PDB file of N, CA and C in Angstrom:
ATOM      1  N   MET A   1       7.044  23.509 -24.968  1.00  0.00           N
ATOM      2  CA  MET A   1       4.918  23.011 -24.950  1.00  0.00           C
ATOM      3  C   MET A   1       4.230  23.685 -23.169  1.00  0.00           C
ATOM      4  N   LEU A   2       3.567  24.131 -23.639  1.00  0.00           N
ATOM      5  CA  LEU A   2       2.631  24.688 -22.584  1.00  0.00           C
ATOM      6  C   LEU A   2       1.350  23.252 -22.249  1.00  0.00           C
ATOM      7  N   PHE A   3       1.686  22.844 -21.046  1.00  0.00           N
ATOM      8  CA  PHE A   3       0.790  22.414 -20.329  1.00  0.00           C
ATOM      9  C   PHE A   3      -0.819  22.795 -19.902  1.00  0.00           C
ATOM     10  N   SER A   4      -1.697  22.427 -20.372  1.00  0.00           N
ATOM     11  CA  SER A   4      -2.986  22.642 -19.816  1.00  0.00           C
ATOM     12  C   SER A   4      -3.279  22.145 -18.745  1.00  0.00           C
ATOM     13  N   ALA A   5      -4.496  22.418 -17.394  1.00  0.00           N
ATOM     14  CA  ALA A   5      -4.360  22.035 -16.441  1.00  0.00           C
ATOM     15  C   ALA A   5      -4.408  20.683 -16.144  1.00  0.00           C
ATOM     16  N   ASP A   6      -5.280  20.302 -17.107  1.00  0.00           N
ATOM     17  CA  ASP A   6      -5.466  18.606 -17.832  1.00  0.00           C
ATOM     18  C   ASP A   6      -4.467  17.575 -17.755  1.00  0.00           C
ATOM     19  N   ALA A   7      -3.615  18.410 -18.587  1.00  0.00           N
ATOM     20  CA  ALA A   7      -2.603  17.612 -19.381  1.00  0.00           C
ATOM     21  C   ALA A   7      -1.462  17.562 -18.028  1.00  0.00           C
ATOM     22  N   ALA A   8      -1.459  18.353 -17.043  1.00  0.00           N
ATOM     23  CA  ALA A   8      -0.965  18.705 -15.973  1.00  0.00           C
ATOM     24  C   ALA A   8      -0.675  17.648 -14.555  1.00  0.00           C
ATOM     25  N   GLU A   9      -2.381  17.836 -15.041  1.00  0.00           N
ATOM     26  CA  GLU A   9      -2.812  16.707 -13.697  1.00  0.00           C
ATOM     27  C   GLU A   9      -2.183  15.192 -13.966  1.00  0.00           C
ATOM     28  N   THR A  10      -2.938  14.968 -15.508  1.00  0.00           N
ATOM     29  CA  THR A  10      -1.764  13.420 -16.128  1.00  0.00           C
ATOM     30  C   THR A  10      -1.142  13.086 -15.940  1.00  0.00           C
ATOM     31  N   LEU A  11      -0.369  14.134 -16.594  1.00  0.00           N
ATOM     32  CA  LEU A  11       1.494  14.141 -16.264  1.00  0.00           C
ATOM     33  C   LEU A  11       1.557  13.557 -14.428  1.00  0.00           C
ATOM     34  N   GLY A  12       0.704  14.636 -13.581  1.00  0.00           N
ATOM     35  CA  GLY A  12       1.018  14.379 -11.888  1.00  0.00           C
ATOM     36  C   GLY A  12       0.584  12.553 -11.655  1.00  0.00           C
ATOM     37  N   LEU A  13      -0.154  12.179 -12.130  1.00  0.00           N
ATOM     38  CA  LEU A  13      -0.562  11.385 -12.035  1.00  0.00           C
ATOM     39  C   LEU A  13       0.437  10.168 -12.072  1.00  0.00           C
ATOM     40  N   LYS A  14       0.902  10.004 -13.910  1.00  0.00           N
ATOM     41  CA  LYS A  14       1.732   9.465 -13.711  1.00  0.00           C
ATOM     42  C   LYS A  14       3.057   9.206 -12.951  1.00  0.00           C
ATOM     43  N   ALA A  15       3.369  10.009 -12.754  1.00  0.00           N
ATOM     44  CA  ALA A  15       4.871  10.708 -11.577  1.00  0.00           C
ATOM     45  C   ALA A  15       4.451   9.688  -9.759  1.00  0.00           C
ATOM     46  N   LEU A  16       2.963  10.533  -9.740  1.00  0.00           N
ATOM     47  CA  LEU A  16       2.338   9.499  -8.942  1.00  0.00           C
ATOM     48  C   LEU A  16       2.654   7.726  -9.068  1.00  0.00           C
ATOM     49  N   ALA A  17       1.853   7.257  -9.813  1.00  0.00           N
ATOM     50  CA  ALA A  17       1.693   6.154 -10.161  1.00  0.00           C
ATOM     51  C   ALA A  17       3.517   5.474  -9.847  1.00  0.00           C
ATOM     52  N   TRP A  18       3.686   6.113 -10.645  1.00  0.00           N
ATOM     53  CA  TRP A  18       5.576   5.799 -10.874  1.00  0.00           C
ATOM     54  C   TRP A  18       6.432   5.949  -9.278  1.00  0.00           C
ATOM     55  N   LEU A  19       6.184   6.521  -8.646  1.00  0.00           N
ATOM     56  CA  LEU A  19       6.377   7.306  -7.022  1.00  0.00           C
ATOM     57  C   LEU A  19       5.829   6.282  -6.534  1.00  0.00           C
ATOM     58  N   ALA A  20       4.552   5.175  -6.573  1.00  0.00           N
ATOM     59  CA  ALA A  20       3.985   4.645  -6.260  1.00  0.00           C
ATOM     60  C   ALA A  20       4.621   3.195  -6.215  1.00  0.00           C
ATOM     61  N   GLY A  21       4.859   2.740  -6.732  1.00  0.00           N
ATOM     62  CA  GLY A  21       5.284   1.727  -7.475  1.00  0.00           C
ATOM     63  C   GLY A  21       7.009   1.405  -7.030  1.00  0.00           C
ATOM     64  N   ASN A  22       7.773   2.957  -6.471  1.00  0.00           N
ATOM     65  CA  ASN A  22       9.544   2.765  -6.131  1.00  0.00           C
ATOM     66  C   ASN A  22       9.344   2.340  -4.995  1.00  0.00           C
ATOM     67  N   ASP A  23       9.859   1.227  -4.677  1.00  0.00           N
ATOM     68  CA  ASP A  23      10.304   0.704  -3.406  1.00  0.00           C
ATOM     69  C   ASP A  23      11.521   1.603  -2.714  1.00  0.00           C
ATOM     70  N   GLU A  24      12.214   1.636  -3.078  1.00  0.00           N
ATOM     71  CA  GLU A  24      12.837   2.652  -2.508  1.00  0.00           C
ATOM     72  C   GLU A  24      12.940   4.346  -2.532  1.00  0.00           C
ATOM     73  N   LEU A  25      11.939   5.007  -3.664  1.00  0.00           N
ATOM     74  CA  LEU A  25      11.865   6.542  -3.224  1.00  0.00           C
ATOM     75  C   LEU A  25      10.271   6.643  -2.652  1.00  0.00           C
ATOM     76  N   LEU A  26       9.460   5.660  -2.749  1.00  0.00           N
ATOM     77  CA  LEU A  26       8.309   6.096  -1.889  1.00  0.00           C
ATOM     78  C   LEU A  26       8.338   6.624  -0.592  1.00  0.00           C
ATOM     79  N   PRO A  27       9.631   5.714   0.556  1.00  0.00           N
ATOM     80  CA  PRO A  27       9.291   6.013   1.448  1.00  0.00           C
ATOM     81  C   PRO A  27      10.046   7.763   2.277  1.00  0.00           C
ATOM     82  N   VAL A  28      10.573   7.700   1.391  1.00  0.00           N
ATOM     83  CA  VAL A  28      11.509   9.371   0.586  1.00  0.00           C
ATOM     84  C   VAL A  28      10.098   9.748   1.186  1.00  0.00           C
ATOM     85  N   PHE A  29       9.727   9.788   0.022  1.00  0.00           N
ATOM     86  CA  PHE A  29       8.024  11.166  -0.452  1.00  0.00           C
ATOM     87  C   PHE A  29       7.382  10.849   0.795  1.00  0.00           C
ATOM     88  N   LEU A  30       7.363  10.189   1.688  1.00  0.00           N
ATOM     89  CA  LEU A  30       6.424   9.956   2.642  1.00  0.00           C
ATOM     90  C   LEU A  30       6.792  10.558   3.372  1.00  0.00           C
ATOM     91  N   GLY A  31       8.233  10.075   4.386  1.00  0.00           N
ATOM     92  CA  GLY A  31       9.114  10.701   5.438  1.00  0.00           C
ATOM     93  C   GLY A  31       8.769  12.440   4.885  1.00  0.00           C
ATOM     94  N   ALA A  32       9.614  12.708   3.719  1.00  0.00           N
ATOM     95  CA  ALA A  32       9.720  14.158   3.616  1.00  0.00           C
ATOM     96  C   ALA A  32       8.354  15.296   3.620  1.00  0.00           C
ATOM     97  N   THR A  33       7.233  14.141   2.811  1.00  0.00           N
ATOM     98  CA  THR A  33       5.773  15.507   3.366  1.00  0.00           C
ATOM     99  C   THR A  33       4.830  15.159   4.254  1.00  0.00           C
ATOM    100  N   GLY A  34       5.414  13.435   4.766  1.00  0.00           N
ATOM    101  CA  GLY A  34       4.081  13.578   6.121  1.00  0.00           C
ATOM    102  C   GLY A  34       2.789  12.568   5.531  1.00  0.00           C
ATOM    103  N   ALA A  35       3.121  12.756   3.613  1.00  0.00           N
ATOM    104  CA  ALA A  35       1.773  12.090   3.626  1.00  0.00           C
ATOM    105  C   ALA A  35       1.559  10.235   4.276  1.00  0.00           C
ATOM    106  N   SER A  36       0.838   9.751   4.245  1.00  0.00           N
ATOM    107  CA  SER A  36       0.662   8.597   3.770  1.00  0.00           C
ATOM    108  C   SER A  36       0.221   7.551   3.045  1.00  0.00           C
ATOM    109  N   GLU A  37       0.124   6.606   3.069  1.00  0.00           N
ATOM    110  CA  GLU A  37       0.317   5.562   1.964  1.00  0.00           C
ATOM    111  C   GLU A  37      -1.571   6.161   2.219  1.00  0.00           C
ATOM    112  N   ALA A  38      -2.831   6.036   2.735  1.00  0.00           N
ATOM    113  CA  ALA A  38      -4.024   6.687   2.258  1.00  0.00           C
ATOM    114  C   ALA A  38      -4.037   7.859   1.556  1.00  0.00           C
ATOM    115  N   ASP A  39      -2.826   8.657   1.876  1.00  0.00           N
ATOM    116  CA  ASP A  39      -3.094  10.015   1.343  1.00  0.00           C
ATOM    117  C   ASP A  39      -2.929   9.433  -0.180  1.00  0.00           C
ATOM    118  N   LEU A  40      -2.009   8.712   0.045  1.00  0.00           N
ATOM    119  CA  LEU A  40      -1.878   8.805  -2.125  1.00  0.00           C
ATOM    120  C   LEU A  40      -3.205   8.615  -2.492  1.00  0.00           C
ATOM    121  N   ARG A  41      -4.356   7.729  -2.292  1.00  0.00           N
ATOM    122  CA  ARG A  41      -5.065   6.726  -3.080  1.00  0.00           C
ATOM    123  C   ARG A  41      -6.031   8.230  -2.284  1.00  0.00           C
ATOM    124  N   GLU A  42      -6.379   8.697  -1.137  1.00  0.00           N
ATOM    125  CA  GLU A  42      -7.287  10.427  -0.849  1.00  0.00           C
ATOM    126  C   GLU A  42      -6.994  11.580  -1.885  1.00  0.00           C
ATOM    127  N   GLN A  43      -5.555  11.742  -2.362  1.00  0.00           N
ATOM    128  CA  GLN A  43      -5.299  12.721  -2.762  1.00  0.00           C
ATOM    129  C   GLN A  43      -4.770  12.901  -3.917  1.00  0.00           C
ATOM    130  N   ALA A  44      -5.304  11.698  -4.995  1.00  0.00           N
ATOM    131  CA  ALA A  44      -4.792  11.886  -6.126  1.00  0.00           C
ATOM    132  C   ALA A  44      -5.637  12.575  -6.896  1.00  0.00           C
ATOM    133  N   ALA A  45      -6.521  12.846  -6.709  1.00  0.00           N
ATOM    134  CA  ALA A  45      -7.196  14.108  -8.114  1.00  0.00           C
ATOM    135  C   ALA A  45      -6.871  15.217  -7.294  1.00  0.00           C
ATOM    136  N   ASN A  46      -6.335  15.410  -6.098  1.00  0.00           N
ATOM    137  CA  ASN A  46      -6.864  17.100  -5.939  1.00  0.00           C
ATOM    138  C   ASN A  46      -5.201  17.961  -6.481  1.00  0.00           C
ATOM    139  N   PRO A  47      -5.052  18.611  -7.246  1.00  0.00           N
ATOM    140  CA  PRO A  47      -4.225  19.321  -8.080  1.00  0.00           C
ATOM    141  C   PRO A  47      -3.477  19.807  -7.309  1.00  0.00           C
ATOM    142  N   GLU A  48      -3.457  20.570  -6.192  1.00  0.00           N
ATOM    143  CA  GLU A  48      -2.146  20.934  -5.106  1.00  0.00           C
ATOM    144  C   GLU A  48      -1.313  19.370  -4.906  1.00  0.00           C
ATOM    145  N   PHE A  49      -2.287  18.485  -4.620  1.00  0.00           N
ATOM    146  CA  PHE A  49      -1.139  17.276  -4.199  1.00  0.00           C
ATOM    147  C   PHE A  49      -0.078  16.878  -5.056  1.00  0.00           C
ATOM    148  N   LEU A  50      -0.404  16.850  -6.666  1.00  0.00           N
ATOM    149  CA  LEU A  50       0.478  16.308  -8.019  1.00  0.00           C
ATOM    150  C   LEU A  50       1.130  17.493  -7.884  1.00  0.00           C
ATOM    151  N   GLY A  51       0.294  18.376  -7.469  1.00  0.00           N
ATOM    152  CA  GLY A  51       2.102  19.601  -7.438  1.00  0.00           C
ATOM    153  C   GLY A  51       3.018  18.700  -6.649  1.00  0.00           C
ATOM    154  N   SER A  52       3.204  18.608  -5.105  1.00  0.00           N
ATOM    155  CA  SER A  52       3.758  18.449  -4.578  1.00  0.00           C
ATOM    156  C   SER A  52       4.664  17.077  -4.736  1.00  0.00           C
ATOM    157  N   VAL A  53       3.794  16.176  -5.563  1.00  0.00           N
ATOM    158  CA  VAL A  53       4.826  15.321  -5.980  1.00  0.00           C
ATOM    159  C   VAL A  53       5.438  15.205  -7.137  1.00  0.00           C
ATOM    160  N   LEU A  54       5.243  16.575  -7.767  1.00  0.00           N
ATOM    161  CA  LEU A  54       6.117  16.870  -8.436  1.00  0.00           C
ATOM    162  C   LEU A  54       6.975  17.551  -8.564  1.00  0.00           C
ATOM    163  N   ASP A  55       6.540  18.489  -6.884  1.00  0.00           N
ATOM    164  CA  ASP A  55       7.949  19.486  -6.353  1.00  0.00           C
ATOM    165  C   ASP A  55       9.065  17.770  -5.805  1.00  0.00           C
ATOM    166  N   PHE A  56       8.238  17.665  -5.534  1.00  0.00           N
ATOM    167  CA  PHE A  56       9.421  16.314  -4.986  1.00  0.00           C
ATOM    168  C   PHE A  56      10.293  15.899  -5.668  1.00  0.00           C
ATOM    169  N   LEU A  57       9.653  15.301  -7.234  1.00  0.00           N
ATOM    170  CA  LEU A  57      10.471  14.304  -8.983  1.00  0.00           C
ATOM    171  C   LEU A  57      11.591  15.467  -8.552  1.00  0.00           C
ATOM    172  N   THR A  58      11.492  16.943  -8.650  1.00  0.00           N
ATOM    173  CA  THR A  58      12.127  17.780  -9.572  1.00  0.00           C
ATOM    174  C   THR A  58      13.122  18.414  -8.745  1.00  0.00           C
ATOM    175  N   MET A  59      13.488  17.559  -6.951  1.00  0.00           N
ATOM    176  CA  MET A  59      14.155  17.928  -6.728  1.00  0.00           C
ATOM    177  C   MET A  59      15.338  17.310  -6.985  1.00  0.00           C
ATOM    178  N   ASP A  60      15.672  15.989  -7.842  1.00  0.00           N
ATOM    179  CA  ASP A  60      16.850  15.454  -8.186  1.00  0.00           C
ATOM    180  C   ASP A  60      16.479  14.776  -9.540  1.00  0.00           C
ATOM    181  N   ASP A  61      18.156  15.677 -10.350  1.00  0.00           N
ATOM    182  CA  ASP A  61      17.550  15.075 -12.098  1.00  0.00           C
ATOM    183  C   ASP A  61      17.909  13.526 -12.060  1.00  0.00           C
ATOM    184  N   ALA A  62      18.167  12.764 -10.723  1.00  0.00           N
ATOM    185  CA  ALA A  62      18.125  11.443 -11.165  1.00  0.00           C
ATOM    186  C   ALA A  62      16.665  10.779 -11.379  1.00  0.00           C
ATOM    187  N   TRP A  63      16.259  11.809 -10.223  1.00  0.00           N
ATOM    188  CA  TRP A  63      15.211  10.720 -10.095  1.00  0.00           C
ATOM    189  C   TRP A  63      14.012  10.949 -11.775  1.00  0.00           C
ATOM    190  N   VAL A  64      14.240  12.804 -11.901  1.00  0.00           N
ATOM    191  CA  VAL A  64      13.272  13.045 -13.071  1.00  0.00           C
ATOM    192  C   VAL A  64      13.595  12.282 -14.130  1.00  0.00           C
ATOM    193  N   MET A  65      14.965  11.505 -14.458  1.00  0.00           N
ATOM    194  CA  MET A  65      15.215  11.114 -15.346  1.00  0.00           C
ATOM    195  C   MET A  65      15.299   9.328 -15.424  1.00  0.00           C
ATOM    196  N   GLN A  66      14.472   8.855 -14.316  1.00  0.00           N
ATOM    197  CA  GLN A  66      14.298   7.796 -14.246  1.00  0.00           C
ATOM    198  C   GLN A  66      12.676   7.701 -14.343  1.00  0.00           C
ATOM    199  N   PHE A  67      12.264   8.812 -14.456  1.00  0.00           N
ATOM    200  CA  PHE A  67      11.031   8.687 -14.790  1.00  0.00           C
ATOM    201  C   PHE A  67      10.788   9.259 -15.722  1.00  0.00           C
ATOM    202  N   CYS A  68      10.925  10.079 -16.483  1.00  0.00           N
ATOM    203  CA  CYS A  68      11.214  10.182 -18.072  1.00  0.00           C
ATOM    204  C   CYS A  68      11.352   9.391 -18.685  1.00  0.00           C
ATOM    205  N   ASP A  69      12.406   8.447 -18.508  1.00  0.00           N
ATOM    206  CA  ASP A  69      12.983   7.337 -19.070  1.00  0.00           C
ATOM    207  C   ASP A  69      11.472   6.363 -18.910  1.00  0.00           C
ATOM    208  N   SER A  70      11.272   6.105 -18.193  1.00  0.00           N
ATOM    209  CA  SER A  70      10.150   4.696 -18.357  1.00  0.00           C
ATOM    210  C   SER A  70       8.968   5.590 -18.929  1.00  0.00           C
ATOM    211  N   ALA A  71       8.710   6.512 -18.345  1.00  0.00           N
ATOM    212  CA  ALA A  71       7.444   7.050 -18.655  1.00  0.00           C
ATOM    213  C   ALA A  71       7.469   7.341 -20.580  1.00  0.00           C
ATOM    214  N   GLY A  72       8.523   7.223 -21.245  1.00  0.00           N
ATOM    215  CA  GLY A  72       8.858   7.941 -22.695  1.00  0.00           C
ATOM    216  C   GLY A  72       8.511   9.562 -22.729  1.00  0.00           C
ATOM    217  N   LEU A  73       8.749  10.590 -21.463  1.00  0.00           N
ATOM    218  CA  LEU A  73       9.010  11.481 -21.469  1.00  0.00           C
ATOM    219  C   LEU A  73      10.226  12.144 -22.041  1.00  0.00           C
ATOM    220  N   ALA A  74       9.931  13.739 -22.152  1.00  0.00           N
ATOM    221  CA  ALA A  74      10.803  14.610 -22.300  1.00  0.00           C
ATOM    222  C   ALA A  74      11.457  14.931 -20.856  1.00  0.00           C
ATOM    223  N   TYR A  75      12.985  14.963 -20.747  1.00  0.00           N
ATOM    224  CA  TYR A  75      13.209  15.822 -19.226  1.00  0.00           C
ATOM    225  C   TYR A  75      12.324  16.710 -18.596  1.00  0.00           C
ATOM    226  N   ASP A  76      12.212  17.890 -19.613  1.00  0.00           N
ATOM    227  CA  ASP A  76      11.897  19.176 -19.353  1.00  0.00           C
ATOM    228  C   ASP A  76      10.102  19.004 -18.630  1.00  0.00           C
ATOM    229  N   GLN A  77       9.518  17.716 -18.985  1.00  0.00           N
ATOM    230  CA  GLN A  77       7.527  17.576 -19.406  1.00  0.00           C
ATOM    231  C   GLN A  77       7.547  17.714 -17.624  1.00  0.00           C
ATOM    232  N   PRO A  78       7.734  17.130 -16.995  1.00  0.00           N
ATOM    233  CA  PRO A  78       7.329  17.167 -15.231  1.00  0.00           C
ATOM    234  C   PRO A  78       7.770  19.467 -14.893  1.00  0.00           C
ATOM    235  N   MET A  79       8.427  19.753 -14.968  1.00  0.00           N
ATOM    236  CA  MET A  79       8.938  20.763 -14.716  1.00  0.00           C
ATOM    237  C   MET A  79       7.526  21.474 -15.361  1.00  0.00           C
ATOM    238  N   GLN A  80       7.415  20.967 -16.434  1.00  0.00           N
ATOM    239  CA  GLN A  80       6.218  22.572 -16.960  1.00  0.00           C
ATOM    240  C   GLN A  80       5.066  21.760 -16.879  1.00  0.00           C
ATOM    241  N   ALA A  81       5.088  20.804 -16.256  1.00  0.00           N
ATOM    242  CA  ALA A  81       3.817  19.934 -15.801  1.00  0.00           C
ATOM    243  C   ALA A  81       3.413  21.017 -14.433  1.00  0.00           C
ATOM    244  N   ARG A  82       4.493  20.938 -13.663  1.00  0.00           N
ATOM    245  CA  ARG A  82       4.322  21.358 -12.288  1.00  0.00           C
ATOM    246  C   ARG A  82       3.737  22.892 -11.990  1.00  0.00           C
ATOM    247  N   MET A  83       4.786  23.877 -13.210  1.00  0.00           N
ATOM    248  CA  MET A  83       4.310  25.238 -13.897  1.00  0.00           C
ATOM    249  C   MET A  83       3.090  25.453 -13.811  1.00  0.00           C
ATOM    250  N   ALA A  84       1.975  24.424 -14.432  1.00  0.00           N
ATOM    251  CA  ALA A  84       0.913  24.724 -15.004  1.00  0.00           C
ATOM    252  C   ALA A  84      -0.279  24.045 -13.751  1.00  0.00           C
ATOM    253  N   LEU A  85       0.101  23.405 -13.089  1.00  0.00           N
ATOM    254  CA  LEU A  85      -0.397  22.708 -11.614  1.00  0.00           C
ATOM    255  C   LEU A  85       0.040  24.059 -10.138  1.00  0.00           C
ATOM    256  N   PRO A  86      -1.832  24.674  -9.757  1.00  0.00           N
ATOM    257  CA  PRO A  86      -1.929  25.536  -8.788  1.00  0.00           C
ATOM    258  C   PRO A  86      -0.534  25.809  -7.920  1.00  0.00           C
ATOM    259  N   GLY A  87       0.141  26.991  -7.944  1.00  0.00           N
ATOM    260  CA  GLY A  87       1.412  27.055  -6.648  1.00  0.00           C
ATOM    261  C   GLY A  87       2.416  26.928  -7.925  1.00  0.00           C
ATOM    262  N   GLY A  88       2.470  26.660  -9.705  1.00  0.00           N
ATOM    263  CA  GLY A  88       3.358  26.430  -9.563  1.00  0.00           C
ATOM    264  C   GLY A  88       4.253  27.042 -10.521  1.00  0.00           C
ATOM    265  N   ALA A  89       3.411  28.520 -10.638  1.00  0.00           N
ATOM    266  CA  ALA A  89       3.875  30.059 -10.951  1.00  0.00           C
ATOM    267  C   ALA A  89       5.981  30.005 -10.526  1.00  0.00           C
ATOM    268  N   GLN A  90       6.243  30.848 -11.593  1.00  0.00           N
ATOM    269  CA  GLN A  90       7.027  31.101 -10.929  1.00  0.00           C
ATOM    270  C   GLN A  90       7.206  32.621 -10.413  1.00  0.00           C
ATOM    271  N   VAL A  91       7.988  31.904  -9.411  1.00  0.00           N
ATOM    272  CA  VAL A  91       8.407  33.581  -8.618  1.00  0.00           C
ATOM    273  C   VAL A  91       9.303  34.445  -8.838  1.00  0.00           C
ATOM    274  N   HIS A  92       9.019  36.107  -9.421  1.00  0.00           N
ATOM    275  CA  HIS A  92      10.171  37.033  -9.878  1.00  0.00           C
ATOM    276  C   HIS A  92      10.101  37.651  -8.802  1.00  0.00           C
ATOM    277  N   TRP A  93      11.734  37.559  -8.112  1.00  0.00           N
ATOM    278  CA  TRP A  93      11.857  38.659  -7.314  1.00  0.00           C
ATOM    279  C   TRP A  93      12.413  39.923  -7.684  1.00  0.00           C
ATOM    280  N   THR A  94      12.122  40.287  -8.928  1.00  0.00           N
ATOM    281  CA  THR A  94      12.755  42.115  -9.179  1.00  0.00           C
ATOM    282  C   THR A  94      11.691  42.617  -9.428  1.00  0.00           C
TER     283      THR A  94
END
């Protein structure tokens, strides 16, 4: 399934909401990105920020599975949504 930019942003917002509600993982995200809780609110409409949320989420298969299970999504959807957001194009080194 190819994601439109709007659909990818919507999925990114769902991931952000899930992350914000995860008391164990939210501090890890904030520490890894340097973002503050205020940044979460201020940057929620920013496609680049949503891309960073999906970049973080897709670093660990267990996180992807937890998010997708809670949202009723297929496990490949976060990565596909990430590819539709700015900076998400696959790099070809050849």
